[in-house]
N, C-alpha and C. Protein backbone atom coordinates (compact mmCIF):
# COMPACT_ATOMS: atom_id res chain seq x y z
N MET A 1 -73.74 -75.48 13.41
CA MET A 1 -73.42 -74.07 12.47
C MET A 1 -72.10 -73.37 12.22
N GLY A 2 -71.03 -73.77 13.53
CA GLY A 2 -69.67 -73.41 13.44
C GLY A 2 -68.92 -74.35 12.70
N LYS A 3 -68.94 -75.53 12.48
CA LYS A 3 -68.33 -76.23 11.55
C LYS A 3 -68.73 -76.07 10.41
N GLY A 4 -69.82 -75.83 10.04
CA GLY A 4 -70.01 -75.25 8.29
C GLY A 4 -69.47 -73.73 7.83
N LEU A 5 -69.34 -73.15 9.35
CA LEU A 5 -68.71 -71.56 8.58
C LEU A 5 -66.82 -71.93 8.44
N THR A 6 -67.13 -72.76 9.40
CA THR A 6 -65.46 -73.18 9.37
C THR A 6 -65.10 -73.57 8.03
N ILE A 7 -65.95 -74.58 7.50
CA ILE A 7 -64.93 -75.02 6.35
C ILE A 7 -65.45 -74.46 5.42
N THR A 8 -66.51 -73.81 5.14
CA THR A 8 -66.82 -72.68 4.17
C THR A 8 -65.78 -71.76 3.89
N ALA A 9 -65.15 -70.96 5.00
CA ALA A 9 -64.04 -70.04 5.29
C ALA A 9 -62.75 -71.15 4.61
N PHE A 10 -62.15 -72.21 5.07
CA PHE A 10 -61.06 -72.69 4.43
C PHE A 10 -61.53 -72.44 3.25
N VAL A 11 -62.81 -73.38 2.18
CA VAL A 11 -62.76 -73.57 0.97
C VAL A 11 -62.51 -71.86 0.18
N PHE A 12 -63.36 -71.23 0.95
CA PHE A 12 -63.30 -69.69 0.22
C PHE A 12 -61.46 -68.85 0.24
N SER A 13 -61.01 -69.61 1.07
CA SER A 13 -59.87 -68.95 1.55
C SER A 13 -58.95 -69.19 0.25
N PHE A 14 -59.06 -70.07 -0.52
CA PHE A 14 -58.22 -70.91 -1.69
C PHE A 14 -58.61 -70.23 -2.90
N LEU A 15 -60.51 -69.95 -2.79
CA LEU A 15 -61.09 -69.53 -4.02
C LEU A 15 -61.00 -67.84 -4.10
N ILE A 16 -61.53 -67.45 -3.27
CA ILE A 16 -61.61 -65.43 -3.05
C ILE A 16 -60.84 -65.66 -1.73
N PRO A 17 -59.77 -65.46 -1.82
CA PRO A 17 -58.88 -65.52 -0.40
C PRO A 17 -59.49 -64.38 0.38
N ILE A 18 -59.66 -63.12 0.11
CA ILE A 18 -60.40 -61.93 1.08
C ILE A 18 -61.93 -62.77 1.83
N VAL A 19 -62.46 -63.17 1.13
CA VAL A 19 -63.44 -63.83 1.89
C VAL A 19 -63.47 -64.61 2.79
N GLY A 20 -62.71 -65.47 2.21
CA GLY A 20 -62.20 -66.82 3.03
C GLY A 20 -61.24 -66.04 4.72
N LEU A 21 -60.83 -65.43 4.19
CA LEU A 21 -60.33 -64.15 5.44
C LEU A 21 -61.14 -63.45 6.63
N ILE A 22 -62.02 -63.44 5.72
CA ILE A 22 -63.29 -62.96 6.60
C ILE A 22 -64.04 -63.74 7.58
N LEU A 23 -64.50 -64.56 6.37
CA LEU A 23 -65.51 -65.78 7.28
C LEU A 23 -64.45 -66.54 8.40
N GLY A 24 -62.95 -66.65 8.21
CA GLY A 24 -62.25 -66.92 9.11
C GLY A 24 -62.11 -66.66 10.26
N ILE A 25 -62.20 -65.28 10.27
CA ILE A 25 -62.18 -64.24 11.53
C ILE A 25 -63.69 -64.58 12.02
N ILE A 26 -64.54 -64.73 11.40
CA ILE A 26 -66.49 -64.76 12.01
C ILE A 26 -66.15 -66.35 12.79
N ALA A 27 -65.55 -67.12 12.14
CA ALA A 27 -65.95 -68.69 12.51
C ALA A 27 -64.53 -68.84 13.73
N TYR A 28 -63.58 -68.41 13.43
CA TYR A 28 -62.75 -68.34 15.01
C TYR A 28 -63.51 -67.64 15.72
N ASN A 29 -63.72 -66.86 15.57
CA ASN A 29 -64.62 -65.49 17.24
C ASN A 29 -65.96 -66.86 17.43
N LYS A 30 -66.51 -67.11 16.59
CA LYS A 30 -67.84 -68.54 16.74
C LYS A 30 -67.08 -69.25 17.67
N ALA A 31 -65.95 -70.18 17.31
CA ALA A 31 -65.02 -71.77 17.85
C ALA A 31 -64.76 -71.14 19.17
N LYS A 32 -64.81 -70.07 19.33
CA LYS A 32 -64.64 -69.19 21.04
C LYS A 32 -65.28 -70.25 22.13
N GLU A 33 -66.78 -69.80 21.40
CA GLU A 33 -68.17 -69.91 22.03
C GLU A 33 -68.47 -71.72 22.12
N ASP A 34 -68.16 -72.11 21.04
CA ASP A 34 -68.81 -73.58 20.59
C ASP A 34 -67.42 -74.49 20.28
N PRO A 35 -67.40 -75.50 21.51
CA PRO A 35 -66.18 -76.45 21.78
C PRO A 35 -66.27 -77.39 20.79
N GLU A 36 -66.99 -77.68 19.84
CA GLU A 36 -67.28 -78.57 18.64
C GLU A 36 -67.01 -77.93 17.29
N ALA A 37 -66.75 -76.79 17.25
CA ALA A 37 -66.29 -75.96 16.23
C ALA A 37 -64.65 -76.08 15.75
N LEU A 38 -64.58 -76.32 14.66
CA LEU A 38 -63.04 -76.58 13.86
C LEU A 38 -62.23 -75.66 14.41
N LYS A 39 -61.38 -75.01 15.37
CA LYS A 39 -60.93 -73.47 15.71
C LYS A 39 -59.80 -73.75 14.81
N ASP A 40 -59.18 -74.93 14.81
CA ASP A 40 -58.10 -75.01 13.82
C ASP A 40 -57.72 -74.80 12.55
N LEU A 41 -58.95 -75.62 12.14
CA LEU A 41 -59.57 -75.05 10.36
C LEU A 41 -59.58 -73.62 9.89
N ALA A 42 -60.47 -72.96 11.47
CA ALA A 42 -60.50 -71.34 11.23
C ALA A 42 -59.55 -70.59 10.98
N ILE A 43 -58.36 -70.88 11.50
CA ILE A 43 -57.00 -70.39 11.99
C ILE A 43 -56.17 -70.84 10.52
N ALA A 44 -56.10 -71.60 10.34
CA ALA A 44 -55.76 -72.01 8.62
C ALA A 44 -56.46 -71.29 7.65
N ALA A 45 -57.75 -71.22 7.81
CA ALA A 45 -58.43 -70.49 6.74
C ALA A 45 -57.98 -68.89 6.65
N ILE A 46 -57.53 -68.45 8.10
CA ILE A 46 -57.28 -67.04 8.19
C ILE A 46 -55.69 -67.05 7.54
N VAL A 47 -54.86 -67.54 8.05
CA VAL A 47 -53.31 -67.57 7.53
C VAL A 47 -53.35 -67.53 5.52
N ILE A 48 -54.27 -68.57 5.12
CA ILE A 48 -54.36 -68.85 4.05
C ILE A 48 -55.25 -67.55 3.18
N GLY A 49 -56.16 -67.06 3.80
CA GLY A 49 -56.84 -66.25 3.07
C GLY A 49 -55.79 -64.73 3.31
N ALA A 50 -55.24 -64.86 4.35
CA ALA A 50 -54.01 -63.64 4.56
C ALA A 50 -53.21 -63.60 3.17
N ILE A 51 -52.69 -64.77 3.17
CA ILE A 51 -51.14 -64.84 2.14
C ILE A 51 -51.74 -64.60 1.07
N LEU A 52 -52.71 -65.32 0.67
CA LEU A 52 -53.02 -65.18 -0.72
C LEU A 52 -54.24 -63.81 -1.16
N THR A 53 -54.41 -62.71 -0.21
CA THR A 53 -54.84 -62.22 -0.58
C THR A 53 -53.62 -60.38 -0.45
N VAL A 54 -52.28 -60.94 0.36
CA VAL A 54 -51.34 -60.04 0.39
C VAL A 54 -50.30 -60.37 -0.78
N ILE A 55 -49.87 -61.49 -1.30
CA ILE A 55 -49.32 -62.03 -2.13
C ILE A 55 -49.60 -61.58 -3.48
N PRO A 56 -50.91 -61.31 -4.14
CA PRO A 56 -51.04 -60.69 -5.35
C PRO A 56 -51.10 -59.09 -5.04
N LEU A 57 -51.22 -58.50 -4.16
CA LEU A 57 -50.90 -57.18 -3.66
C LEU A 57 -49.69 -56.87 -3.94
N LEU A 58 -48.46 -57.75 -3.38
CA LEU A 58 -47.22 -57.53 -3.33
C LEU A 58 -47.10 -57.39 -4.96
N ILE A 59 -47.22 -58.73 -5.55
CA ILE A 59 -46.59 -58.95 -7.38
C ILE A 59 -47.22 -57.36 -7.93
N LEU A 60 -48.23 -57.09 -7.69
CA LEU A 60 -49.06 -55.58 -8.23
C LEU A 60 -48.24 -54.40 -8.17
N LEU A 61 -47.66 -54.73 -6.76
CA LEU A 61 -46.84 -53.10 -6.32
C LEU A 61 -45.60 -53.09 -7.35
N ILE A 62 -44.68 -54.45 -7.31
CA ILE A 62 -43.66 -54.48 -7.84
C ILE A 62 -43.79 -54.59 -9.36
N VAL A 63 -44.65 -55.34 -9.82
CA VAL A 63 -45.08 -54.53 -11.15
C VAL A 63 -45.06 -53.40 -11.51
N GLY A 64 -45.96 -52.47 -10.97
CA GLY A 64 -46.20 -51.35 -10.76
C GLY A 64 -45.00 -50.47 -10.73
N VAL A 65 -44.13 -50.48 -9.81
CA VAL A 65 -42.82 -50.00 -9.49
C VAL A 65 -41.89 -50.37 -10.87
N ALA A 66 -42.06 -51.17 -11.32
CA ALA A 66 -40.93 -52.09 -12.16
C ALA A 66 -41.29 -51.09 -13.94
N TRP A 67 -43.00 -51.13 -14.06
CA TRP A 67 -43.37 -50.32 -15.16
C TRP A 67 -43.06 -49.21 -14.56
N MET A 68 -42.96 -48.65 -14.03
CA MET A 68 -42.73 -47.02 -14.18
C MET A 68 -41.49 -46.97 -14.10
N GLN A 69 -40.21 -47.78 -13.35
CA GLN A 69 -39.06 -47.53 -14.20
C GLN A 69 -38.88 -47.49 -15.54
N VAL A 70 -39.51 -48.68 -15.97
CA VAL A 70 -39.48 -48.86 -18.14
C VAL A 70 -40.13 -47.41 -18.09
N LYS A 71 -41.33 -47.31 -18.10
CA LYS A 71 -41.82 -46.06 -18.56
C LYS A 71 -40.43 -44.98 -18.62
N GLY A 72 -40.07 -44.59 -17.54
CA GLY A 72 -39.14 -43.56 -17.27
C GLY A 72 -37.75 -43.58 -18.37
N THR A 73 -37.30 -44.83 -18.07
CA THR A 73 -36.33 -45.13 -19.13
C THR A 73 -36.64 -44.80 -20.14
N ILE A 74 -37.81 -45.27 -20.86
CA ILE A 74 -38.20 -45.33 -22.33
C ILE A 74 -38.62 -43.45 -22.91
N GLU A 75 -39.17 -42.66 -21.74
CA GLU A 75 -39.22 -41.76 -22.30
C GLU A 75 -37.69 -40.90 -21.77
N ASP A 76 -36.72 -41.24 -21.36
CA ASP A 76 -35.61 -40.83 -21.22
C ASP A 76 -34.76 -40.40 -22.73
N GLY A 77 -34.98 -42.21 -22.98
CA GLY A 77 -34.61 -42.61 -24.22
C GLY A 77 -35.03 -41.88 -25.14
N SER A 78 -36.17 -41.75 -25.43
CA SER A 78 -36.80 -41.10 -26.51
C SER A 78 -36.72 -39.48 -26.31
N SER A 79 -36.37 -39.01 -25.17
CA SER A 79 -35.52 -37.58 -25.54
C SER A 79 -34.50 -37.63 -25.59
N GLN A 80 -33.85 -38.09 -25.22
CA GLN A 80 -32.07 -38.42 -25.86
C GLN A 80 -32.35 -38.47 -27.40
N ILE A 81 -33.13 -39.11 -28.15
CA ILE A 81 -33.25 -39.44 -29.54
C ILE A 81 -33.40 -38.53 -30.06
N GLU A 82 -34.22 -37.39 -29.40
CA GLU A 82 -35.01 -36.18 -30.25
C GLU A 82 -34.14 -35.19 -30.18
N LEU A 83 -33.19 -35.15 -29.25
CA LEU A 83 -32.25 -34.13 -28.85
C LEU A 83 -30.81 -35.03 -29.72
N SER A 84 -30.92 -35.89 -29.78
CA SER A 84 -29.37 -35.93 -30.96
C SER A 84 -30.12 -35.61 -32.51
N THR A 85 -31.57 -35.77 -32.63
CA THR A 85 -31.91 -35.63 -33.91
C THR A 85 -31.55 -33.89 -34.21
N GLN A 86 -32.09 -33.38 -33.26
CA GLN A 86 -32.17 -31.55 -33.52
C GLN A 86 -30.31 -31.57 -33.45
N CYS A 87 -29.44 -32.19 -32.48
CA CYS A 87 -28.27 -31.65 -33.15
C CYS A 87 -27.65 -32.06 -34.71
N MET A 88 -27.90 -33.09 -34.78
CA MET A 88 -27.77 -33.35 -36.25
C MET A 88 -28.26 -32.40 -37.49
N LEU A 89 -29.10 -31.56 -37.09
CA LEU A 89 -29.85 -30.55 -37.84
C LEU A 89 -29.05 -29.00 -37.61
N VAL A 90 -28.20 -29.22 -37.04
CA VAL A 90 -27.82 -27.65 -36.91
C VAL A 90 -26.12 -28.06 -37.24
N ASP A 91 -25.76 -26.57 -37.95
CA ASP A 91 -25.19 -26.57 -39.01
C ASP A 91 -24.62 -25.50 -38.94
N LEU A 92 -23.61 -25.78 -37.98
CA LEU A 92 -22.12 -24.50 -37.59
C LEU A 92 -21.13 -24.81 -38.65
N ARG A 93 -20.67 -24.08 -38.60
CA ARG A 93 -19.55 -23.63 -39.47
C ARG A 93 -18.51 -22.97 -38.99
N ILE A 94 -17.21 -23.22 -38.75
CA ILE A 94 -16.09 -22.40 -39.00
C ILE A 94 -15.81 -21.36 -40.14
N ASN A 95 -16.01 -20.30 -40.13
CA ASN A 95 -15.51 -19.58 -41.21
C ASN A 95 -14.28 -19.29 -41.37
N SER A 96 -13.65 -18.71 -40.21
CA SER A 96 -12.11 -18.29 -40.78
C SER A 96 -11.61 -18.69 -38.78
N ILE A 97 -10.13 -18.31 -38.71
CA ILE A 97 -9.54 -18.18 -37.57
C ILE A 97 -8.58 -17.39 -37.85
N ASP A 98 -8.47 -16.23 -36.88
CA ASP A 98 -7.46 -15.24 -36.64
C ASP A 98 -6.59 -15.00 -36.01
N THR A 99 -5.43 -15.73 -35.96
CA THR A 99 -4.42 -15.83 -34.66
C THR A 99 -4.28 -14.56 -34.29
N SER A 100 -3.72 -13.46 -35.63
CA SER A 100 -3.61 -12.24 -35.35
C SER A 100 -4.27 -11.44 -34.04
N SER A 101 -5.57 -11.33 -34.37
CA SER A 101 -6.83 -11.02 -33.37
C SER A 101 -7.40 -12.02 -32.45
N ASP A 102 -6.77 -12.58 -32.58
CA ASP A 102 -7.30 -13.87 -31.78
C ASP A 102 -9.06 -14.07 -31.67
N THR A 103 -9.92 -14.00 -32.80
CA THR A 103 -11.03 -14.20 -32.99
C THR A 103 -11.58 -15.46 -33.86
N ILE A 104 -12.44 -16.18 -33.73
CA ILE A 104 -12.97 -17.13 -34.62
C ILE A 104 -14.06 -16.75 -35.01
N SER A 105 -14.24 -16.76 -36.84
CA SER A 105 -15.44 -16.33 -37.06
C SER A 105 -16.50 -17.84 -37.49
N ILE A 106 -17.81 -17.60 -36.84
CA ILE A 106 -18.57 -19.26 -37.28
C ILE A 106 -19.78 -18.32 -37.60
N SER A 107 -20.40 -19.53 -38.35
CA SER A 107 -21.85 -18.87 -39.20
C SER A 107 -22.92 -20.65 -38.91
N ARG A 108 -23.81 -20.32 -39.32
CA ARG A 108 -24.59 -21.15 -39.44
C ARG A 108 -25.74 -21.22 -40.24
N GLY A 109 -25.37 -22.30 -41.20
CA GLY A 109 -25.93 -22.35 -42.75
C GLY A 109 -27.46 -22.37 -42.75
N VAL A 110 -28.06 -23.41 -41.69
CA VAL A 110 -29.20 -23.92 -41.99
C VAL A 110 -30.14 -23.22 -40.77
N ALA A 111 -31.48 -22.72 -41.07
CA ALA A 111 -31.74 -22.80 -39.56
C ALA A 111 -32.64 -23.50 -39.18
N GLY A 112 -32.65 -24.28 -37.64
CA GLY A 112 -33.33 -25.22 -37.24
C GLY A 112 -33.44 -25.40 -35.75
N GLU A 113 -33.18 -25.72 -34.91
CA GLU A 113 -33.66 -25.75 -33.20
C GLU A 113 -32.52 -24.37 -32.76
N GLY A 114 -33.19 -23.79 -31.83
CA GLY A 114 -32.36 -22.73 -31.13
C GLY A 114 -31.10 -23.25 -30.71
N ILE A 115 -29.99 -22.79 -30.73
CA ILE A 115 -28.91 -22.95 -30.14
C ILE A 115 -28.24 -22.41 -28.96
N ASN A 116 -28.67 -22.92 -27.43
CA ASN A 116 -28.51 -21.54 -26.39
C ASN A 116 -27.18 -21.23 -26.57
N LYS A 117 -26.15 -22.23 -26.60
CA LYS A 117 -24.64 -21.90 -26.17
C LYS A 117 -23.99 -22.62 -27.47
N ILE A 118 -22.57 -22.10 -27.48
CA ILE A 118 -21.73 -23.05 -28.32
C ILE A 118 -20.65 -23.06 -27.27
N LYS A 119 -19.98 -24.19 -27.72
CA LYS A 119 -18.78 -24.60 -26.51
C LYS A 119 -17.43 -24.36 -27.39
N VAL A 120 -16.71 -24.04 -27.32
CA VAL A 120 -15.16 -23.71 -28.18
C VAL A 120 -14.37 -24.76 -27.60
N TYR A 121 -13.71 -25.56 -28.46
CA TYR A 121 -12.54 -26.24 -27.81
C TYR A 121 -11.57 -26.06 -28.49
N ILE A 122 -10.30 -26.23 -27.68
CA ILE A 122 -8.68 -25.75 -28.40
C ILE A 122 -8.01 -26.62 -27.82
N ASN A 123 -7.59 -27.73 -29.30
CA ASN A 123 -6.71 -29.27 -28.88
C ASN A 123 -7.26 -29.75 -28.02
N SER A 124 -8.51 -30.05 -28.14
CA SER A 124 -9.69 -31.09 -27.66
C SER A 124 -10.13 -30.65 -26.25
N GLN A 125 -9.65 -29.22 -25.71
CA GLN A 125 -9.93 -29.08 -24.64
C GLN A 125 -10.73 -27.90 -24.94
N GLU A 126 -11.97 -27.94 -23.74
CA GLU A 126 -13.03 -27.11 -23.61
C GLU A 126 -12.05 -25.70 -23.07
N LYS A 127 -12.60 -24.57 -24.06
CA LYS A 127 -11.80 -23.41 -23.43
C LYS A 127 -13.20 -22.10 -23.10
N ALA A 128 -13.99 -22.44 -23.67
CA ALA A 128 -15.31 -21.30 -23.36
C ALA A 128 -16.69 -22.02 -23.72
N GLU A 129 -17.28 -21.38 -23.33
CA GLU A 129 -19.10 -21.85 -23.31
C GLU A 129 -19.84 -20.26 -23.67
N ILE A 130 -20.25 -20.03 -24.58
CA ILE A 130 -20.35 -18.72 -24.96
C ILE A 130 -22.06 -18.26 -25.32
N ASP A 131 -22.79 -17.48 -25.27
CA ASP A 131 -24.28 -17.30 -25.69
C ASP A 131 -24.17 -17.23 -27.00
N ALA A 132 -25.12 -18.12 -27.78
CA ALA A 132 -25.49 -18.21 -28.68
C ALA A 132 -26.16 -17.66 -29.41
N THR A 133 -26.71 -16.40 -28.87
CA THR A 133 -28.16 -15.78 -29.48
C THR A 133 -28.11 -15.40 -30.60
N PRO A 134 -27.12 -14.51 -31.47
CA PRO A 134 -26.74 -14.53 -32.81
C PRO A 134 -26.91 -15.70 -33.90
N LEU A 135 -27.13 -16.93 -32.93
CA LEU A 135 -26.91 -18.03 -34.21
C LEU A 135 -27.99 -18.89 -33.86
N GLU A 136 -29.40 -17.76 -33.09
CA GLU A 136 -30.61 -19.18 -33.37
C GLU A 136 -31.36 -19.33 -34.32
N THR A 137 -31.03 -18.55 -35.38
CA THR A 137 -31.48 -18.95 -36.84
C THR A 137 -30.07 -18.59 -37.74
N VAL A 138 -30.14 -18.76 -38.85
CA VAL A 138 -28.94 -18.77 -39.86
C VAL A 138 -28.84 -16.85 -39.20
N GLY A 139 -26.92 -17.29 -39.50
CA GLY A 139 -26.45 -15.85 -39.04
C GLY A 139 -25.05 -16.30 -38.82
N SER A 140 -24.17 -15.51 -38.50
CA SER A 140 -22.93 -15.47 -37.99
C SER A 140 -22.24 -14.54 -36.99
N GLN A 141 -21.26 -15.24 -36.23
CA GLN A 141 -21.15 -14.47 -34.85
C GLN A 141 -19.43 -14.56 -34.58
N GLU A 142 -18.78 -13.68 -34.30
CA GLU A 142 -17.41 -13.32 -33.91
C GLU A 142 -17.14 -13.97 -32.49
N ILE A 143 -16.11 -14.88 -32.14
CA ILE A 143 -15.85 -15.16 -30.87
C ILE A 143 -14.42 -14.96 -30.28
N PRO A 144 -14.09 -14.23 -29.57
CA PRO A 144 -12.63 -13.84 -29.09
C PRO A 144 -12.22 -15.08 -28.32
N ILE A 145 -11.06 -15.22 -28.85
CA ILE A 145 -10.41 -16.57 -27.64
C ILE A 145 -8.69 -16.68 -28.31
N GLU A 146 -8.06 -16.85 -27.32
CA GLU A 146 -6.67 -16.67 -27.29
C GLU A 146 -6.05 -17.85 -28.68
N ILE A 147 -5.70 -18.10 -29.67
CA ILE A 147 -5.19 -18.84 -30.63
C ILE A 147 -4.09 -18.70 -30.93
N ASN A 148 -3.31 -19.85 -30.92
CA ASN A 148 -1.98 -19.93 -31.80
C ASN A 148 -2.05 -20.88 -33.10
N PRO A 149 -1.22 -20.32 -33.91
CA PRO A 149 -0.98 -20.94 -34.93
C PRO A 149 -1.05 -22.59 -34.77
N GLY A 150 -1.57 -23.47 -35.68
CA GLY A 150 -1.46 -24.89 -35.17
C GLY A 150 -2.61 -25.44 -34.48
N ASP A 151 -3.31 -24.66 -33.55
CA ASP A 151 -4.10 -25.43 -33.09
C ASP A 151 -5.51 -25.41 -33.48
N LEU A 152 -5.77 -26.90 -32.96
CA LEU A 152 -7.02 -27.22 -33.71
C LEU A 152 -8.16 -26.39 -32.87
N VAL A 153 -8.75 -25.76 -33.83
CA VAL A 153 -10.33 -25.34 -32.76
C VAL A 153 -11.48 -26.19 -33.77
N GLU A 154 -12.25 -26.57 -32.33
CA GLU A 154 -13.43 -26.78 -32.60
C GLU A 154 -14.78 -26.26 -31.89
N ILE A 155 -15.89 -26.44 -32.51
CA ILE A 155 -16.64 -25.97 -31.65
C ILE A 155 -18.28 -26.97 -31.84
N SER A 156 -19.10 -26.65 -31.21
CA SER A 156 -19.99 -27.67 -30.67
C SER A 156 -21.44 -27.01 -30.09
N ALA A 157 -22.69 -27.32 -30.81
CA ALA A 157 -23.94 -26.63 -30.24
C ALA A 157 -24.32 -27.08 -28.87
N VAL A 158 -24.76 -26.07 -27.87
CA VAL A 158 -25.90 -27.01 -26.58
C VAL A 158 -27.38 -26.10 -27.06
N ILE A 159 -28.00 -27.38 -27.32
CA ILE A 159 -28.96 -27.11 -27.34
C ILE A 159 -30.02 -26.92 -25.82
N GLY A 160 -30.88 -26.53 -25.06
CA GLY A 160 -31.27 -26.46 -24.19
C GLY A 160 -29.85 -26.84 -22.94
N GLU A 161 -30.03 -28.01 -22.40
CA GLU A 161 -28.74 -27.98 -21.47
C GLU A 161 -27.95 -29.16 -22.24
N PHE A 162 -28.50 -30.00 -23.08
CA PHE A 162 -28.33 -30.70 -24.20
C PHE A 162 -26.86 -30.22 -24.83
N PRO A 163 -25.29 -30.97 -24.63
CA PRO A 163 -24.46 -30.59 -25.47
C PRO A 163 -24.60 -31.72 -26.45
N CYS A 164 -24.67 -30.91 -27.97
CA CYS A 164 -24.58 -31.80 -29.09
C CYS A 164 -23.07 -32.61 -28.86
N THR A 165 -23.03 -33.80 -29.31
CA THR A 165 -21.34 -34.45 -29.29
C THR A 165 -20.97 -34.13 -30.39
N GLN A 166 -21.29 -33.97 -32.11
CA GLN A 166 -20.56 -33.47 -32.73
C GLN A 166 -19.90 -32.40 -33.03
N ARG A 167 -18.54 -32.16 -33.47
CA ARG A 167 -17.97 -31.05 -33.38
C ARG A 167 -17.46 -30.59 -34.86
N TYR A 168 -17.15 -29.40 -35.00
CA TYR A 168 -16.92 -28.93 -36.43
C TYR A 168 -15.73 -28.35 -36.38
N SER A 169 -14.09 -28.57 -36.58
CA SER A 169 -13.51 -28.08 -36.62
C SER A 169 -12.33 -27.71 -37.74
N LEU A 170 -11.25 -26.95 -37.31
CA LEU A 170 -10.58 -26.10 -38.46
C LEU A 170 -9.53 -26.19 -37.82
N GLU A 171 -8.30 -25.80 -38.56
CA GLU A 171 -6.61 -25.55 -37.87
C GLU A 171 -6.37 -24.39 -37.89
N ALA A 172 -5.60 -24.20 -36.92
CA ALA A 172 -5.33 -22.44 -36.86
C ALA A 172 -4.36 -22.46 -38.07
N GLU A 173 -3.95 -21.53 -38.77
CA GLU A 173 -3.00 -21.61 -39.72
C GLU A 173 -2.15 -20.31 -38.60
């Protein structure tokens, strides 16, 4: 009885590793009582069954973690593309720059995504980030900011927390 169970455990440790592992443990326990049993073969069935059971589980774990990373990257990328598309639909304009009253008049020509904020750059340096509630749809807004003649004034929209990369510019006279 002990030899047959041990051989069966060894064979199953390759075919269905978890079954081979369980049968190997049973065969090993019986081999303690039966001196003619193949104790070493039972140990081999346990080791092989354990290894061949654990390796596929580790592979599944690694593949699962890798898939979650890939999925997250794809979702983040599609969100960035969607926000970039929304930014392209923002139609901001600098209508005028008045250096005597230090104001910039801006407007929005087309309704699209809601703009949360507008960033103002003077000579490529960010100088202000203002609330853009008046420009959530088509409209205009005056921005008080210190401007000198010859300054390059640029504005860009912020949608949500995402700053749009395109800037609209006009040089102060």
